[in-house]
N, C-alpha and C. Protein backbone atom coordinates (compact mmCIF):
# COMPACT_ATOMS: atom_id res chain seq x y z
N MET A 1 56.38 -96.83 23.69
CA MET A 1 57.57 -96.26 23.08
C MET A 1 57.23 -95.14 22.12
N VAL A 2 56.13 -95.29 21.40
CA VAL A 2 55.74 -94.28 20.44
C VAL A 2 55.42 -92.97 21.17
N LYS A 3 54.73 -93.06 22.28
CA LYS A 3 54.37 -91.86 23.03
C LYS A 3 55.62 -91.17 23.57
N GLN A 4 56.64 -91.96 23.97
CA GLN A 4 57.86 -91.38 24.50
C GLN A 4 58.59 -90.56 23.43
N THR A 5 58.63 -91.04 22.19
CA THR A 5 59.28 -90.28 21.12
C THR A 5 58.52 -88.99 20.83
N LYS A 6 57.20 -89.04 20.94
CA LYS A 6 56.41 -87.82 20.74
C LYS A 6 56.69 -86.81 21.85
N LEU A 7 56.86 -87.29 23.08
CA LEU A 7 57.20 -86.39 24.17
C LEU A 7 58.55 -85.73 23.94
N TYR A 8 59.51 -86.52 23.46
CA TYR A 8 60.83 -85.95 23.14
C TYR A 8 60.72 -84.91 22.04
N GLU A 9 59.89 -85.20 21.05
CA GLU A 9 59.72 -84.27 19.94
C GLU A 9 59.07 -82.96 20.41
N VAL A 10 58.09 -83.07 21.31
CA VAL A 10 57.45 -81.87 21.87
C VAL A 10 58.47 -81.07 22.69
N ASP A 11 59.28 -81.75 23.48
CA ASP A 11 60.31 -81.06 24.26
C ASP A 11 61.32 -80.37 23.35
N ASP A 12 61.70 -81.04 22.27
CA ASP A 12 62.63 -80.45 21.31
C ASP A 12 62.02 -79.21 20.66
N LEU A 13 60.76 -79.27 20.31
CA LEU A 13 60.07 -78.11 19.74
C LEU A 13 60.00 -76.97 20.74
N LYS A 14 59.73 -77.27 22.01
CA LYS A 14 59.67 -76.23 23.04
C LYS A 14 61.01 -75.52 23.16
N ILE A 15 62.10 -76.29 23.12
CA ILE A 15 63.44 -75.71 23.21
C ILE A 15 63.71 -74.82 22.01
N LYS A 16 63.37 -75.30 20.81
CA LYS A 16 63.59 -74.51 19.60
C LYS A 16 62.77 -73.22 19.64
N LEU A 17 61.53 -73.32 20.09
CA LEU A 17 60.66 -72.14 20.15
C LEU A 17 61.18 -71.13 21.16
N SER A 18 61.67 -71.59 22.29
CA SER A 18 62.15 -70.65 23.30
C SER A 18 63.50 -70.05 22.92
N ASN A 19 64.31 -70.76 22.12
CA ASN A 19 65.61 -70.23 21.69
C ASN A 19 65.52 -69.35 20.47
N SER A 20 64.42 -69.40 19.75
CA SER A 20 64.31 -68.61 18.53
C SER A 20 63.78 -67.21 18.85
N LYS A 21 64.20 -66.25 18.02
CA LYS A 21 63.73 -64.87 18.18
C LYS A 21 62.33 -64.71 17.60
N SER A 22 62.02 -65.52 16.60
CA SER A 22 60.68 -65.52 16.02
C SER A 22 60.48 -66.85 15.30
N PHE A 23 59.23 -67.20 15.07
CA PHE A 23 58.95 -68.38 14.27
C PHE A 23 57.68 -68.13 13.46
N PHE A 24 57.63 -68.80 12.31
CA PHE A 24 56.54 -68.59 11.36
C PHE A 24 56.05 -69.92 10.84
N LEU A 25 54.75 -70.04 10.67
CA LEU A 25 54.15 -71.25 10.12
C LEU A 25 53.89 -71.04 8.63
N ILE A 26 54.32 -72.01 7.84
CA ILE A 26 54.27 -71.89 6.38
C ILE A 26 53.66 -73.15 5.80
N GLY A 27 52.71 -72.97 4.92
CA GLY A 27 52.17 -74.11 4.18
C GLY A 27 53.11 -74.44 3.03
N TYR A 28 53.43 -75.71 2.88
CA TYR A 28 54.40 -76.10 1.85
C TYR A 28 53.82 -77.08 0.84
N GLN A 29 52.53 -77.19 0.76
CA GLN A 29 51.90 -78.14 -0.15
C GLN A 29 52.23 -77.77 -1.60
N GLY A 30 52.68 -78.76 -2.36
CA GLY A 30 53.02 -78.56 -3.77
C GLY A 30 54.48 -78.24 -4.01
N TRP A 31 55.28 -78.16 -2.96
CA TRP A 31 56.70 -77.88 -3.14
C TRP A 31 57.44 -79.16 -3.47
N ASP A 32 58.44 -79.04 -4.29
CA ASP A 32 59.31 -80.16 -4.64
C ASP A 32 60.28 -80.42 -3.48
N ALA A 33 60.61 -81.69 -3.22
CA ALA A 33 61.50 -82.03 -2.10
C ALA A 33 62.90 -81.45 -2.30
N ASN A 34 63.40 -81.46 -3.53
CA ASN A 34 64.72 -80.89 -3.79
C ASN A 34 64.73 -79.39 -3.53
N LEU A 35 63.67 -78.74 -3.94
CA LEU A 35 63.51 -77.31 -3.71
C LEU A 35 63.45 -77.02 -2.21
N PHE A 36 62.74 -77.84 -1.48
CA PHE A 36 62.61 -77.68 -0.04
C PHE A 36 63.97 -77.82 0.64
N ASN A 37 64.76 -78.79 0.21
CA ASN A 37 66.09 -78.98 0.80
C ASN A 37 67.03 -77.82 0.48
N LEU A 38 66.95 -77.31 -0.74
CA LEU A 38 67.76 -76.15 -1.11
C LEU A 38 67.37 -74.93 -0.28
N LEU A 39 66.08 -74.77 -0.07
CA LEU A 39 65.59 -73.67 0.77
C LEU A 39 66.09 -73.83 2.21
N ARG A 40 66.08 -75.03 2.72
CA ARG A 40 66.59 -75.28 4.08
C ARG A 40 68.05 -74.85 4.20
N GLN A 41 68.85 -75.16 3.18
CA GLN A 41 70.26 -74.78 3.20
C GLN A 41 70.43 -73.27 3.22
N LYS A 42 69.68 -72.57 2.36
CA LYS A 42 69.79 -71.11 2.30
C LYS A 42 69.37 -70.47 3.62
N ILE A 43 68.32 -71.00 4.22
CA ILE A 43 67.83 -70.44 5.47
C ILE A 43 68.82 -70.71 6.60
N SER A 44 69.42 -71.88 6.62
CA SER A 44 70.38 -72.19 7.69
C SER A 44 71.63 -71.31 7.58
N GLN A 45 71.98 -70.88 6.38
CA GLN A 45 73.12 -69.98 6.21
C GLN A 45 72.83 -68.61 6.82
N GLU A 46 71.57 -68.24 6.92
CA GLU A 46 71.18 -66.94 7.47
C GLU A 46 70.77 -67.02 8.93
N GLY A 47 71.05 -68.13 9.58
CA GLY A 47 70.74 -68.24 11.00
C GLY A 47 69.31 -68.63 11.28
N GLY A 48 68.74 -69.44 10.44
CA GLY A 48 67.39 -69.92 10.66
C GLY A 48 67.31 -71.41 10.46
N GLN A 49 66.14 -71.96 10.68
CA GLN A 49 65.92 -73.39 10.47
C GLN A 49 64.50 -73.59 9.98
N LEU A 50 64.36 -74.40 8.95
CA LEU A 50 63.06 -74.73 8.39
C LEU A 50 62.81 -76.20 8.67
N ARG A 51 61.70 -76.47 9.33
CA ARG A 51 61.43 -77.84 9.77
C ARG A 51 59.96 -78.17 9.58
N VAL A 52 59.69 -79.34 9.01
CA VAL A 52 58.32 -79.82 8.89
C VAL A 52 57.88 -80.28 10.27
N ILE A 53 56.69 -79.87 10.66
CA ILE A 53 56.21 -80.20 11.99
C ILE A 53 54.88 -80.92 11.92
N ARG A 54 54.60 -81.67 12.95
CA ARG A 54 53.27 -82.28 13.07
C ARG A 54 52.39 -81.31 13.84
N ASN A 55 51.21 -81.10 13.33
CA ASN A 55 50.33 -80.07 13.86
C ASN A 55 50.01 -80.25 15.34
N ASN A 56 49.62 -81.46 15.74
CA ASN A 56 49.22 -81.65 17.13
C ASN A 56 50.42 -81.54 18.07
N LEU A 57 51.60 -81.95 17.64
CA LEU A 57 52.78 -81.81 18.48
C LEU A 57 53.18 -80.34 18.62
N PHE A 58 53.01 -79.58 17.55
CA PHE A 58 53.32 -78.14 17.61
C PHE A 58 52.35 -77.43 18.56
N GLU A 59 51.09 -77.81 18.50
CA GLU A 59 50.10 -77.19 19.39
C GLU A 59 50.44 -77.49 20.85
N ARG A 60 50.90 -78.69 21.14
CA ARG A 60 51.30 -79.04 22.50
C ARG A 60 52.55 -78.27 22.92
N ALA A 61 53.47 -78.09 21.98
CA ALA A 61 54.72 -77.38 22.30
C ALA A 61 54.49 -75.90 22.56
N THR A 62 53.47 -75.32 21.93
CA THR A 62 53.23 -73.88 22.08
C THR A 62 52.35 -73.55 23.29
N GLU A 63 51.87 -74.54 24.00
CA GLU A 63 51.07 -74.28 25.20
C GLU A 63 51.92 -73.52 26.21
N GLY A 64 51.45 -72.38 26.64
CA GLY A 64 52.17 -71.58 27.61
C GLY A 64 53.17 -70.60 26.99
N LEU A 65 53.56 -70.82 25.74
CA LEU A 65 54.50 -69.91 25.07
C LEU A 65 53.79 -68.85 24.26
N VAL A 66 52.71 -69.24 23.61
CA VAL A 66 52.00 -68.36 22.70
C VAL A 66 50.63 -68.05 23.29
N GLY A 67 50.29 -66.77 23.35
CA GLY A 67 48.99 -66.38 23.90
C GLY A 67 47.85 -66.84 23.01
N ASP A 68 47.84 -66.39 21.75
CA ASP A 68 46.82 -66.81 20.79
C ASP A 68 47.35 -68.02 20.04
N LYS A 69 46.72 -69.15 20.24
CA LYS A 69 47.20 -70.34 19.55
C LYS A 69 46.88 -70.24 18.06
N PRO A 70 47.89 -70.46 17.23
CA PRO A 70 47.62 -70.42 15.79
C PRO A 70 46.82 -71.65 15.37
N SER A 71 45.87 -71.44 14.49
CA SER A 71 45.11 -72.58 13.97
C SER A 71 45.92 -73.21 12.85
N ILE A 72 46.18 -74.48 13.01
CA ILE A 72 47.04 -75.18 12.07
C ILE A 72 46.21 -76.23 11.34
N THR A 73 46.17 -76.10 10.02
CA THR A 73 45.49 -77.09 9.19
C THR A 73 46.38 -77.39 7.99
N GLY A 74 46.38 -78.63 7.59
CA GLY A 74 47.16 -79.03 6.43
C GLY A 74 48.63 -79.18 6.75
N PRO A 75 49.42 -79.52 5.74
CA PRO A 75 50.86 -79.68 5.96
C PRO A 75 51.52 -78.34 6.25
N VAL A 76 52.28 -78.29 7.34
CA VAL A 76 52.86 -77.04 7.80
C VAL A 76 54.33 -77.24 8.12
N ALA A 77 55.13 -76.25 7.74
CA ALA A 77 56.54 -76.20 8.14
C ALA A 77 56.70 -75.00 9.06
N CYS A 78 57.66 -75.09 9.95
CA CYS A 78 57.92 -73.99 10.87
C CYS A 78 59.29 -73.41 10.55
N LEU A 79 59.34 -72.12 10.40
CA LEU A 79 60.58 -71.40 10.14
C LEU A 79 61.02 -70.75 11.45
N PHE A 80 62.12 -71.23 12.00
CA PHE A 80 62.68 -70.68 13.23
C PHE A 80 63.75 -69.67 12.87
N SER A 81 63.64 -68.46 13.41
CA SER A 81 64.65 -67.43 13.20
C SER A 81 65.49 -67.35 14.46
N LEU A 82 66.73 -67.81 14.37
CA LEU A 82 67.57 -67.91 15.55
C LEU A 82 68.42 -66.66 15.79
N ASP A 83 68.91 -66.00 14.74
CA ASP A 83 69.78 -64.83 14.89
C ASP A 83 69.04 -63.53 14.66
N ASP A 84 68.39 -63.40 13.53
CA ASP A 84 67.68 -62.18 13.15
C ASP A 84 66.20 -62.55 12.99
N GLU A 85 65.32 -61.69 13.48
CA GLU A 85 63.89 -62.00 13.44
C GLU A 85 63.34 -62.10 12.02
N VAL A 86 63.89 -61.34 11.11
CA VAL A 86 63.27 -61.20 9.79
C VAL A 86 64.06 -61.84 8.65
N ALA A 87 65.38 -61.94 8.78
CA ALA A 87 66.23 -62.38 7.65
C ALA A 87 65.81 -63.73 7.06
N PRO A 88 65.59 -64.78 7.85
CA PRO A 88 65.18 -66.05 7.24
C PRO A 88 63.83 -65.96 6.53
N LEU A 89 62.92 -65.16 7.08
CA LEU A 89 61.61 -64.99 6.44
C LEU A 89 61.75 -64.28 5.10
N SER A 90 62.61 -63.27 5.05
CA SER A 90 62.84 -62.56 3.79
C SER A 90 63.46 -63.48 2.75
N ILE A 91 64.39 -64.32 3.18
CA ILE A 91 65.03 -65.26 2.26
C ILE A 91 64.00 -66.25 1.73
N LEU A 92 63.11 -66.70 2.60
CA LEU A 92 62.06 -67.63 2.18
C LEU A 92 61.19 -66.99 1.09
N CYS A 93 60.75 -65.77 1.32
CA CYS A 93 59.87 -65.11 0.34
C CYS A 93 60.59 -64.84 -0.98
N GLU A 94 61.86 -64.41 -0.91
CA GLU A 94 62.64 -64.19 -2.14
C GLU A 94 62.83 -65.50 -2.90
N PHE A 95 63.13 -66.55 -2.19
CA PHE A 95 63.36 -67.86 -2.82
C PHE A 95 62.09 -68.35 -3.50
N LEU A 96 60.96 -68.18 -2.85
CA LEU A 96 59.71 -68.63 -3.43
C LEU A 96 59.34 -67.81 -4.67
N LYS A 97 59.63 -66.50 -4.64
CA LYS A 97 59.36 -65.66 -5.82
C LYS A 97 60.26 -66.07 -6.98
N GLU A 98 61.53 -66.37 -6.69
CA GLU A 98 62.46 -66.80 -7.73
C GLU A 98 62.00 -68.09 -8.39
N ASN A 99 61.38 -68.97 -7.62
CA ASN A 99 60.95 -70.27 -8.13
C ASN A 99 59.47 -70.30 -8.49
N SER A 100 58.87 -69.15 -8.63
CA SER A 100 57.47 -68.99 -9.06
C SER A 100 56.49 -69.76 -8.18
N LEU A 101 56.73 -69.72 -6.87
CA LEU A 101 55.80 -70.33 -5.93
C LEU A 101 55.18 -69.24 -5.07
N GLU A 102 53.92 -69.42 -4.78
CA GLU A 102 53.21 -68.45 -3.95
C GLU A 102 53.47 -68.77 -2.48
N PRO A 103 53.98 -67.81 -1.69
CA PRO A 103 54.21 -68.09 -0.27
C PRO A 103 52.89 -68.23 0.48
N ASP A 104 52.78 -69.31 1.24
CA ASP A 104 51.59 -69.56 2.05
C ASP A 104 51.96 -69.34 3.51
N LEU A 105 52.12 -68.07 3.88
CA LEU A 105 52.49 -67.72 5.24
C LEU A 105 51.23 -67.69 6.09
N ARG A 106 51.18 -68.58 7.06
CA ARG A 106 49.95 -68.73 7.84
C ARG A 106 49.92 -67.81 9.06
N SER A 107 50.98 -67.85 9.84
CA SER A 107 51.04 -67.01 11.03
C SER A 107 52.48 -66.91 11.50
N GLY A 108 52.69 -66.05 12.47
CA GLY A 108 54.03 -65.90 13.01
C GLY A 108 53.97 -65.44 14.46
N PHE A 109 55.12 -65.47 15.10
CA PHE A 109 55.19 -65.08 16.50
C PHE A 109 56.56 -64.49 16.78
N LEU A 110 56.60 -63.28 17.35
CA LEU A 110 57.85 -62.66 17.75
C LEU A 110 58.03 -62.94 19.24
N THR A 111 59.04 -63.74 19.57
CA THR A 111 59.17 -64.21 20.95
C THR A 111 59.60 -63.12 21.92
N GLU A 112 60.41 -62.16 21.48
CA GLU A 112 60.88 -61.12 22.39
C GLU A 112 59.75 -60.20 22.84
N THR A 113 58.85 -59.88 21.93
CA THR A 113 57.74 -59.00 22.27
C THR A 113 56.49 -59.76 22.65
N GLY A 114 56.43 -61.04 22.30
CA GLY A 114 55.25 -61.84 22.59
C GLY A 114 54.09 -61.55 21.67
N GLN A 115 54.38 -61.01 20.50
CA GLN A 115 53.34 -60.60 19.56
C GLN A 115 53.05 -61.69 18.55
N SER A 116 51.77 -62.04 18.41
CA SER A 116 51.33 -62.97 17.38
C SER A 116 51.03 -62.20 16.10
N LEU A 117 51.39 -62.79 14.98
CA LEU A 117 51.17 -62.13 13.69
C LEU A 117 50.27 -63.00 12.83
N ASP A 118 49.34 -62.36 12.14
CA ASP A 118 48.55 -63.10 11.18
C ASP A 118 49.29 -63.14 9.84
N SER A 119 48.67 -63.71 8.84
CA SER A 119 49.36 -63.90 7.56
C SER A 119 49.71 -62.56 6.89
N GLN A 120 48.83 -61.58 6.97
CA GLN A 120 49.10 -60.28 6.34
C GLN A 120 50.25 -59.55 7.03
N GLU A 121 50.28 -59.61 8.35
CA GLU A 121 51.38 -58.97 9.08
C GLU A 121 52.70 -59.68 8.82
N THR A 122 52.63 -60.99 8.65
CA THR A 122 53.84 -61.76 8.36
C THR A 122 54.40 -61.39 6.99
N VAL A 123 53.53 -61.21 6.01
CA VAL A 123 53.98 -60.79 4.67
C VAL A 123 54.59 -59.39 4.74
N ARG A 124 53.97 -58.49 5.49
CA ARG A 124 54.51 -57.14 5.65
C ARG A 124 55.89 -57.17 6.31
N LEU A 125 56.04 -58.03 7.30
CA LEU A 125 57.32 -58.17 7.98
C LEU A 125 58.38 -58.74 7.04
N ALA A 126 57.99 -59.66 6.19
CA ALA A 126 58.93 -60.26 5.24
C ALA A 126 59.43 -59.25 4.22
N ASN A 127 58.62 -58.25 3.91
CA ASN A 127 59.01 -57.25 2.91
C ASN A 127 59.85 -56.12 3.48
N LEU A 128 60.08 -56.12 4.79
CA LEU A 128 60.94 -55.10 5.38
C LEU A 128 62.38 -55.31 4.95
N PRO A 129 63.15 -54.24 4.84
CA PRO A 129 64.58 -54.42 4.53
C PRO A 129 65.30 -55.08 5.71
N SER A 130 66.45 -55.64 5.42
CA SER A 130 67.22 -56.32 6.47
C SER A 130 67.77 -55.29 7.46
N VAL A 131 68.21 -55.78 8.60
CA VAL A 131 68.76 -54.90 9.64
C VAL A 131 69.98 -54.17 9.10
N GLN A 132 70.80 -54.88 8.34
CA GLN A 132 72.02 -54.28 7.79
C GLN A 132 71.69 -53.12 6.85
N SER A 133 70.71 -53.31 5.99
CA SER A 133 70.35 -52.23 5.06
C SER A 133 69.68 -51.07 5.79
N LEU A 134 68.90 -51.35 6.83
CA LEU A 134 68.31 -50.27 7.63
C LEU A 134 69.39 -49.46 8.33
N ARG A 135 70.41 -50.14 8.82
CA ARG A 135 71.53 -49.43 9.46
C ARG A 135 72.26 -48.56 8.45
N SER A 136 72.48 -49.10 7.25
CA SER A 136 73.18 -48.30 6.24
C SER A 136 72.34 -47.09 5.82
N MET A 137 71.01 -47.24 5.75
CA MET A 137 70.14 -46.10 5.45
C MET A 137 70.25 -45.04 6.54
N LEU A 138 70.28 -45.49 7.79
CA LEU A 138 70.38 -44.56 8.91
C LEU A 138 71.72 -43.82 8.88
N VAL A 139 72.80 -44.54 8.65
CA VAL A 139 74.13 -43.90 8.59
C VAL A 139 74.19 -42.93 7.42
N GLY A 140 73.65 -43.31 6.27
CA GLY A 140 73.64 -42.41 5.12
C GLY A 140 72.85 -41.15 5.39
N GLY A 141 71.70 -41.28 6.03
CA GLY A 141 70.89 -40.11 6.37
C GLY A 141 71.59 -39.20 7.37
N LEU A 142 72.23 -39.80 8.36
CA LEU A 142 72.97 -39.00 9.34
C LEU A 142 74.16 -38.30 8.70
N ALA A 143 74.88 -39.00 7.83
CA ALA A 143 76.04 -38.40 7.17
C ALA A 143 75.61 -37.24 6.28
N ALA A 144 74.51 -37.39 5.57
CA ALA A 144 74.02 -36.31 4.70
C ALA A 144 73.60 -35.11 5.55
N SER A 145 72.94 -35.36 6.66
CA SER A 145 72.53 -34.26 7.53
C SER A 145 73.73 -33.53 8.11
N LEU A 146 74.73 -34.29 8.51
CA LEU A 146 75.93 -33.67 9.07
C LEU A 146 76.69 -32.85 8.03
N SER A 147 76.74 -33.36 6.81
CA SER A 147 77.45 -32.60 5.77
C SER A 147 76.69 -31.31 5.44
N ARG A 148 75.36 -31.36 5.44
CA ARG A 148 74.58 -30.14 5.22
C ARG A 148 74.77 -29.15 6.36
N LEU A 149 74.81 -29.65 7.60
CA LEU A 149 75.04 -28.79 8.75
C LEU A 149 76.42 -28.15 8.66
N LEU A 150 77.42 -28.92 8.30
CA LEU A 150 78.78 -28.41 8.16
C LEU A 150 78.84 -27.33 7.08
N PHE A 151 78.16 -27.54 5.97
CA PHE A 151 78.13 -26.55 4.90
C PHE A 151 77.49 -25.26 5.38
N CYS A 152 76.37 -25.40 6.11
CA CYS A 152 75.68 -24.20 6.60
C CYS A 152 76.52 -23.45 7.62
N LEU A 153 77.21 -24.17 8.48
CA LEU A 153 78.06 -23.50 9.47
C LEU A 153 79.30 -22.90 8.84
N ASN A 154 79.80 -23.52 7.80
CA ASN A 154 81.02 -23.08 7.14
C ASN A 154 80.76 -21.93 6.17
N SER A 155 79.55 -21.81 5.66
CA SER A 155 79.23 -20.81 4.66
C SER A 155 79.45 -19.37 5.14
N PRO A 156 78.97 -18.95 6.31
CA PRO A 156 79.24 -17.56 6.74
C PRO A 156 80.73 -17.29 6.93
N THR A 157 81.47 -18.28 7.40
CA THR A 157 82.91 -18.11 7.57
C THR A 157 83.58 -17.91 6.23
N GLN A 158 83.17 -18.63 5.23
CA GLN A 158 83.73 -18.48 3.89
C GLN A 158 83.41 -17.09 3.33
N LYS A 159 82.18 -16.66 3.51
CA LYS A 159 81.78 -15.34 3.01
C LYS A 159 82.58 -14.24 3.70
N LEU A 160 82.78 -14.37 5.02
CA LEU A 160 83.57 -13.39 5.75
C LEU A 160 85.01 -13.37 5.24
N ALA A 161 85.57 -14.54 4.97
CA ALA A 161 86.93 -14.59 4.45
C ALA A 161 87.01 -13.94 3.08
N LEU A 162 86.01 -14.12 2.24
CA LEU A 162 86.00 -13.49 0.92
C LEU A 162 85.88 -11.98 1.03
N VAL A 163 85.07 -11.49 1.96
CA VAL A 163 84.92 -10.04 2.15
C VAL A 163 86.24 -9.45 2.63
N ILE A 164 86.90 -10.10 3.58
CA ILE A 164 88.20 -9.63 4.08
C ILE A 164 89.22 -9.62 2.96
N LYS A 165 89.23 -10.64 2.14
CA LYS A 165 90.16 -10.72 1.00
C LYS A 165 89.89 -9.59 0.03
N ALA A 166 88.62 -9.31 -0.25
CA ALA A 166 88.25 -8.23 -1.16
C ALA A 166 88.68 -6.87 -0.58
N LEU A 167 88.50 -6.69 0.73
CA LEU A 167 88.94 -5.44 1.36
C LEU A 167 90.45 -5.29 1.30
N GLN A 168 91.16 -6.39 1.50
CA GLN A 168 92.62 -6.35 1.43
C GLN A 168 93.06 -6.00 0.00
N ASP A 169 92.40 -6.61 -0.98
CA ASP A 169 92.75 -6.32 -2.38
C ASP A 169 92.47 -4.85 -2.69
N ARG A 170 91.37 -4.30 -2.21
CA ARG A 170 91.01 -2.91 -2.47
C ARG A 170 92.02 -1.96 -1.78
N GLN A 171 92.35 -2.28 -0.55
CA GLN A 171 93.34 -1.45 0.14
C GLN A 171 94.72 -1.58 -0.46
N GLY A 172 95.06 -2.77 -0.88
CA GLY A 172 96.36 -2.99 -1.50
C GLY A 172 96.43 -2.33 -2.86
N GLY A 173 95.33 -2.25 -3.58
CA GLY A 173 95.29 -1.65 -4.91
C GLY A 173 95.33 -0.14 -4.82
N GLU A 174 94.81 0.51 -3.74
CA GLU A 174 94.78 1.96 -3.60
C GLU A 174 96.12 2.48 -3.17
N GLU A 175 96.90 1.72 -2.45
CA GLU A 175 98.18 2.22 -1.96
C GLU A 175 99.23 2.23 -2.97
């Protein structure tokens, strides 16, 4: 019976891994249980899931899914990103900074590209702005460029109108 529950748990992990856009392994040693539960709630609000995993079951679940198997030692939690690849990871890092805890990001995996990430790449990914803020930066840059283009195109027309007005005033003043 014990082996059957482990098989179910491995199957459940395989389903979660295949449905997630990315997942990250995080060391959680020294975290308070209340803090961990609060973090779980915040991450679930952003379309992610934080789950404590057993190392050997995770290794079995990742067979065939991950090219480079991550080396797992010590207590590890897995952060599944279901909607956005980066948002739950960013929330995790912000939450840990707010609570004066050092993030122990061990490795990560982007399922759409099949790319394995080491701890340094995972930290770099966590520090990226969210998709929403990147979109707003892009729209702001495009709007500024368009307004500059409009000004440049409109400027000769304005100058021509001013010259015509000045000529009309000069002709009107001489008559």
